Amino acid sequence: MIRKLTILFLITFQIGAAQNYDTVVMDTHNIDASNEVYLVGNAYIFDYEIIKDGKVLKLKSNKGMYGSAEFELVPLATDDIDVDKIRLVVQQVSDTERTNEGQTEISYIQDPLSKGMSLTGLVDNSHNIWLHPVRTGFFNALQTAPFPFVKKPLSVGQEWTDKMGIGKNWSNALWGIWEEPLLLSLNYKISKMEKIRTAFGTLDCFVIESSAISDIGTTKLTSYFSSLYGFVRMEYELLNGIKVNFWLVDLKRG
């Protein structure tokens, strides 16, 4: 009987805890109307780089999720790269169409071919901003790291913790193999304010240092948050020495 209850708990934990942060405050009404940064209709274009074995790489191709994920890492100067930029679009949908209940609908699109779209969600309100990362193909790896997350009011020195469970279907020999469920213990701290040079000029940004500790190791995310543009830079340190950097290069409103 105890063994059956344990199995049931693990199944429930895997389904219920996957990609859920307990401390994220979500709105129950007028979800999109309460957004303060990521407004419906906006498109945020990010450039990116993947650093592996000291080499700067991009994705020539990238598709699929879980066990069907396929990708090809190539040097930065390679011709005909299918995934040169990542576009985050804040969608207008009805409550019944939301991919994640209680969250603003967003899509990630791989440019320049505008293919490989994936749907997910974000939370943006007066309490906090919390963002699902892109997770197509190679970017499945970002599930092992802290999600971009800030609690309001923002102040230097502020700290908070959370937890998230992820299933075995996100694993890969490149960034880690585990048995499900894998529990990530998450720690966040706003370490300082810093002036960051961006495509929009020099911005005052809060620097959030975060880590995810699990049975397979520790991953990190340093994110730079602007009250005007949201997360303008995200620097990941994954397992096996892999680093992934994103930076905002354009914003199209409405």
Protein backbone atom coordinates (compact mmCIF):
# COMPACT_ATOMS: atom_id res chain seq x y z
CA MET A 1 0.00 0.00 0.00
CA ILE A 2 2.81 2.41 0.92
CA ARG A 3 4.58 1.63 -2.37
CA LYS A 4 1.39 2.39 -4.33
CA LEU A 5 0.95 5.69 -2.51
CA THR A 6 4.58 6.61 -3.20
CA ILE A 7 4.16 5.92 -6.93
CA LEU A 8 0.93 7.93 -6.97
CA PHE A 9 2.71 10.83 -5.23
CA LEU A 10 5.54 10.81 -7.75
CA ILE A 11 3.12 10.81 -10.69
CA THR A 12 1.12 13.63 -9.12
CA PHE A 13 4.32 15.55 -8.32
CA GLN A 14 5.56 15.19 -11.89
CA ILE A 15 2.34 16.50 -13.40
CA GLY A 16 1.53 19.12 -10.78
CA ALA A 17 5.02 20.53 -10.15
CA ALA A 18 6.32 20.58 -13.71
CA GLN A 19 7.02 24.18 -14.66
CA ASN A 20 5.15 25.58 -11.68
CA TYR A 21 6.65 28.11 -9.27
CA ASP A 22 4.69 28.20 -6.02
CA THR A 23 5.49 31.84 -5.22
CA VAL A 24 4.44 33.33 -8.58
CA VAL A 25 1.38 35.55 -8.07
CA MET A 26 -1.07 35.27 -10.97
CA ASP A 27 -4.12 37.39 -11.72
CA THR A 28 -7.43 35.60 -11.97
CA HIS A 29 -9.25 38.33 -13.92
CA ASN A 30 -8.25 40.66 -16.76
CA ILE A 31 -4.95 38.82 -17.09
CA ASP A 32 -3.53 40.69 -20.07
CA ALA A 33 -4.94 44.06 -18.99
CA SER A 34 -2.78 44.03 -15.84
CA ASN A 35 0.50 43.65 -17.76
CA GLU A 36 2.95 46.45 -17.02
CA VAL A 37 5.84 45.62 -19.41
CA TYR A 38 4.92 42.80 -21.80
CA LEU A 39 1.89 44.34 -23.48
CA VAL A 40 -0.34 42.44 -25.89
CA GLY A 41 0.80 42.94 -29.48
CA ASN A 42 4.44 43.63 -28.67
CA ALA A 43 7.21 41.61 -30.31
CA TYR A 44 10.62 41.33 -28.62
CA ILE A 45 13.51 40.25 -30.87
CA PHE A 46 16.52 38.61 -29.22
CA ASP A 47 19.91 37.74 -30.62
CA TYR A 48 21.67 34.83 -28.98
CA GLU A 49 24.86 32.80 -28.78
CA ILE A 50 25.70 29.34 -27.47
CA ILE A 51 29.19 28.83 -26.03
CA LYS A 52 30.46 25.26 -25.92
CA ASP A 53 34.08 24.16 -25.45
CA GLY A 54 35.13 27.81 -25.81
CA LYS A 55 33.49 28.17 -29.25
CA VAL A 56 30.70 30.62 -30.06
CA LEU A 57 27.91 28.81 -31.89
CA LYS A 58 24.44 29.29 -33.32
CA LEU A 59 21.74 26.89 -34.47
CA LYS A 60 21.71 26.04 -38.15
CA SER A 61 18.53 24.06 -37.53
CA ASN A 62 16.39 23.60 -34.45
CA LYS A 63 13.04 21.84 -33.98
CA GLY A 64 11.00 19.54 -31.83
CA MET A 65 10.62 19.02 -28.11
CA TYR A 66 11.42 16.25 -25.65
CA GLY A 67 12.73 13.09 -27.33
CA SER A 68 11.94 14.46 -30.80
CA ALA A 69 14.18 17.53 -30.35
CA GLU A 70 16.64 17.93 -33.24
CA PHE A 71 19.27 20.64 -33.64
CA GLU A 72 22.60 21.40 -35.29
CA LEU A 73 25.15 23.65 -33.61
CA VAL A 74 27.45 25.49 -36.02
CA PRO A 75 30.09 28.27 -35.83
CA LEU A 76 28.79 31.82 -35.68
CA ALA A 77 29.94 32.73 -39.21
CA THR A 78 28.17 29.80 -40.92
CA ASP A 79 26.03 30.72 -43.94
CA ASP A 80 22.30 29.96 -44.14
CA ILE A 81 21.62 29.77 -40.42
CA ASP A 82 17.92 29.01 -39.95
CA VAL A 83 17.83 30.35 -36.38
CA ASP A 84 19.55 33.74 -36.32
CA LYS A 85 17.17 35.51 -33.93
CA ILE A 86 14.40 34.53 -31.50
CA ARG A 87 11.17 36.55 -31.54
CA LEU A 88 8.87 36.65 -28.51
CA VAL A 89 5.34 37.78 -29.44
CA VAL A 90 2.73 38.65 -26.81
CA GLN A 91 -0.52 37.17 -28.13
CA GLN A 92 -4.14 38.25 -27.80
CA VAL A 93 -6.28 35.20 -26.96
CA SER A 94 -9.44 34.37 -25.05
CA ASP A 95 -9.20 32.73 -21.63
CA THR A 96 -10.30 29.38 -23.09
CA GLU A 97 -7.45 29.47 -25.63
CA ARG A 98 -4.60 30.02 -23.13
CA THR A 99 -1.82 27.43 -23.20
CA ASN A 100 -1.26 28.04 -19.46
CA GLU A 101 -4.23 29.00 -17.31
CA GLY A 102 -3.84 32.40 -15.69
CA GLN A 103 -0.91 33.44 -17.88
CA THR A 104 -0.51 35.82 -20.79
CA GLU A 105 -0.09 33.86 -24.01
CA ILE A 106 3.24 34.25 -25.82
CA SER A 107 4.80 32.61 -28.85
CA TYR A 108 8.47 32.11 -29.67
CA ILE A 109 9.32 32.25 -33.37
CA GLN A 110 12.68 31.42 -34.93
CA ASP A 111 13.83 34.00 -37.49
CA PRO A 112 14.66 34.62 -40.30
CA LEU A 113 12.47 31.78 -41.59
CA SER A 114 9.69 32.49 -39.06
CA LYS A 115 9.38 28.81 -38.27
CA GLY A 116 9.48 26.59 -35.21
CA MET A 117 6.81 28.53 -33.34
CA SER A 118 6.09 27.36 -29.79
CA LEU A 119 3.33 28.60 -27.48
CA THR A 120 3.73 29.15 -23.76
CA GLY A 121 3.02 31.85 -21.16
CA LEU A 122 4.24 34.64 -18.91
CA VAL A 123 2.99 36.40 -15.80
CA ASP A 124 3.20 40.20 -15.68
CA ASN A 125 1.40 42.21 -13.01
CA SER A 126 2.00 44.52 -10.06
CA HIS A 127 3.36 41.63 -7.97
CA ASN A 128 5.89 39.98 -10.27
CA ILE A 129 7.09 39.18 -13.78
CA TRP A 130 7.83 35.54 -14.61
CA LEU A 131 8.72 34.28 -18.07
CA HIS A 132 8.79 30.84 -19.65
CA PRO A 133 11.96 30.58 -21.77
CA VAL A 134 12.00 29.40 -25.37
CA ARG A 135 12.14 25.59 -25.35
CA THR A 136 12.26 24.32 -28.93
CA GLY A 137 15.03 21.88 -29.88
CA PHE A 138 18.30 22.77 -28.17
CA PHE A 139 16.49 25.24 -25.92
CA ASN A 140 14.94 22.29 -24.04
CA ALA A 141 18.15 22.74 -22.03
CA LEU A 142 16.80 25.95 -20.47
CA GLN A 143 14.27 23.91 -18.47
CA THR A 144 17.15 22.92 -16.18
CA ALA A 145 17.87 26.56 -15.29
CA PRO A 146 15.99 29.26 -13.34
CA PHE A 147 13.27 31.01 -15.33
CA PRO A 148 13.55 34.82 -15.68
CA PHE A 149 11.69 36.08 -12.60
CA VAL A 150 11.43 39.32 -10.61
CA LYS A 151 9.34 40.17 -7.56
CA LYS A 152 8.05 43.70 -6.93
CA PRO A 153 8.83 46.18 -5.61
CA LEU A 154 12.36 45.57 -6.87
CA SER A 155 15.19 46.52 -4.54
CA VAL A 156 18.89 45.66 -4.39
CA GLY A 157 19.52 42.91 -1.86
CA GLN A 158 16.07 41.35 -2.23
CA GLU A 159 16.15 37.52 -2.16
CA TRP A 160 13.60 34.77 -2.66
CA THR A 161 13.40 31.02 -3.29
CA ASP A 162 11.14 28.60 -5.11
CA LYS A 163 11.04 25.05 -6.48
CA MET A 164 10.17 23.39 -9.78
CA GLY A 165 9.94 19.79 -10.92
CA ILE A 166 10.80 18.69 -14.47
CA GLY A 167 10.31 15.34 -16.15
CA LYS A 168 12.82 13.04 -17.81
CA ASN A 169 11.50 14.08 -21.23
CA TRP A 170 13.51 17.33 -21.00
CA SER A 171 16.84 15.52 -20.54
CA ASN A 172 19.60 15.10 -23.12
CA ALA A 173 23.15 13.77 -23.03
CA LEU A 174 24.41 17.25 -23.98
CA TRP A 175 23.01 19.07 -20.94
CA GLY A 176 22.13 16.28 -18.49
CA ILE A 177 20.29 12.99 -18.00
CA TRP A 178 18.05 12.33 -15.00
CA GLU A 179 15.25 10.14 -13.76
CA GLU A 180 11.93 11.84 -13.21
CA PRO A 181 10.95 13.83 -11.37
CA LEU A 182 13.97 16.11 -11.03
CA LEU A 183 13.45 18.75 -8.36
CA LEU A 184 15.13 22.12 -8.87
CA SER A 185 15.73 24.24 -5.76
CA LEU A 186 15.71 27.83 -6.99
CA ASN A 187 17.41 30.85 -5.44
CA TYR A 188 17.16 34.45 -6.62
CA LYS A 189 18.89 37.63 -5.48
CA ILE A 190 18.87 41.17 -6.88
CA SER A 191 22.58 41.84 -6.54
CA LYS A 192 22.93 45.38 -7.90
CA MET A 193 21.84 48.09 -10.33
CA GLU A 194 23.99 48.40 -13.43
CA LYS A 195 24.02 50.58 -16.53
CA ILE A 196 23.79 48.30 -19.58
CA ARG A 197 24.49 49.33 -23.16
CA THR A 198 21.64 48.08 -25.34
CA ALA A 199 20.06 48.64 -28.74
CA PHE A 200 17.87 51.23 -26.99
CA GLY A 201 20.74 53.16 -25.44
CA THR A 202 22.20 52.84 -21.96
CA LEU A 203 19.62 51.47 -19.52
CA ASP A 204 19.57 51.21 -15.74
CA CYS A 205 18.96 47.53 -15.03
CA PHE A 206 18.44 45.40 -11.97
CA VAL A 207 20.86 42.45 -12.03
CA ILE A 208 19.26 39.24 -10.78
CA GLU A 209 21.60 36.36 -9.89
CA SER A 210 19.77 33.03 -9.75
CA SER A 211 20.63 29.35 -9.45
CA ALA A 212 18.90 25.98 -9.72
CA ILE A 213 20.35 23.20 -7.58
CA SER A 214 19.36 19.58 -8.27
CA ASP A 215 20.69 16.03 -8.06
CA ILE A 216 22.52 16.48 -11.37
CA GLY A 217 24.29 19.74 -10.53
CA THR A 218 23.81 23.50 -10.47
CA THR A 219 22.73 25.79 -13.29
CA LYS A 220 22.68 29.59 -13.18
CA LEU A 221 20.98 32.55 -14.81
CA THR A 222 22.06 36.17 -14.57
CA SER A 223 19.30 38.37 -15.93
CA TYR A 224 19.23 42.12 -16.51
CA PHE A 225 15.81 43.69 -16.01
CA SER A 226 14.66 47.10 -17.26
CA SER A 227 11.38 48.57 -16.03
CA LEU A 228 10.78 49.80 -19.59
CA TYR A 229 11.82 46.81 -21.71
CA GLY A 230 11.72 43.83 -19.35
CA PHE A 231 14.53 41.28 -19.53
CA VAL A 232 17.06 42.86 -21.87
CA ARG A 233 19.84 40.33 -21.29
CA MET A 234 19.88 36.76 -19.99
CA GLU A 235 23.11 34.84 -19.39
CA TYR A 236 22.77 31.12 -18.66
CA GLU A 237 25.37 28.73 -17.29
CA LEU A 238 24.14 25.19 -17.91
CA LEU A 239 25.57 21.78 -17.10
CA ASN A 240 28.61 20.37 -18.92
CA GLY A 241 30.10 23.86 -19.30
CA ILE A 242 27.50 25.14 -21.80
CA LYS A 243 26.63 28.84 -21.76
CA VAL A 244 23.71 30.52 -23.54
CA ASN A 245 23.31 34.30 -23.84
CA PHE A 246 20.31 36.27 -25.11
CA TRP A 247 20.11 40.04 -25.58
CA LEU A 248 17.24 42.23 -26.78
CA VAL A 249 17.98 43.90 -30.12
CA ASP A 250 14.57 45.22 -31.20
CA LEU A 251 11.08 45.86 -29.91
CA LYS A 252 8.04 46.26 -32.15
CA ARG A 253 5.01 47.66 -30.35
CA GLY A 254 1.43 46.79 -31.21
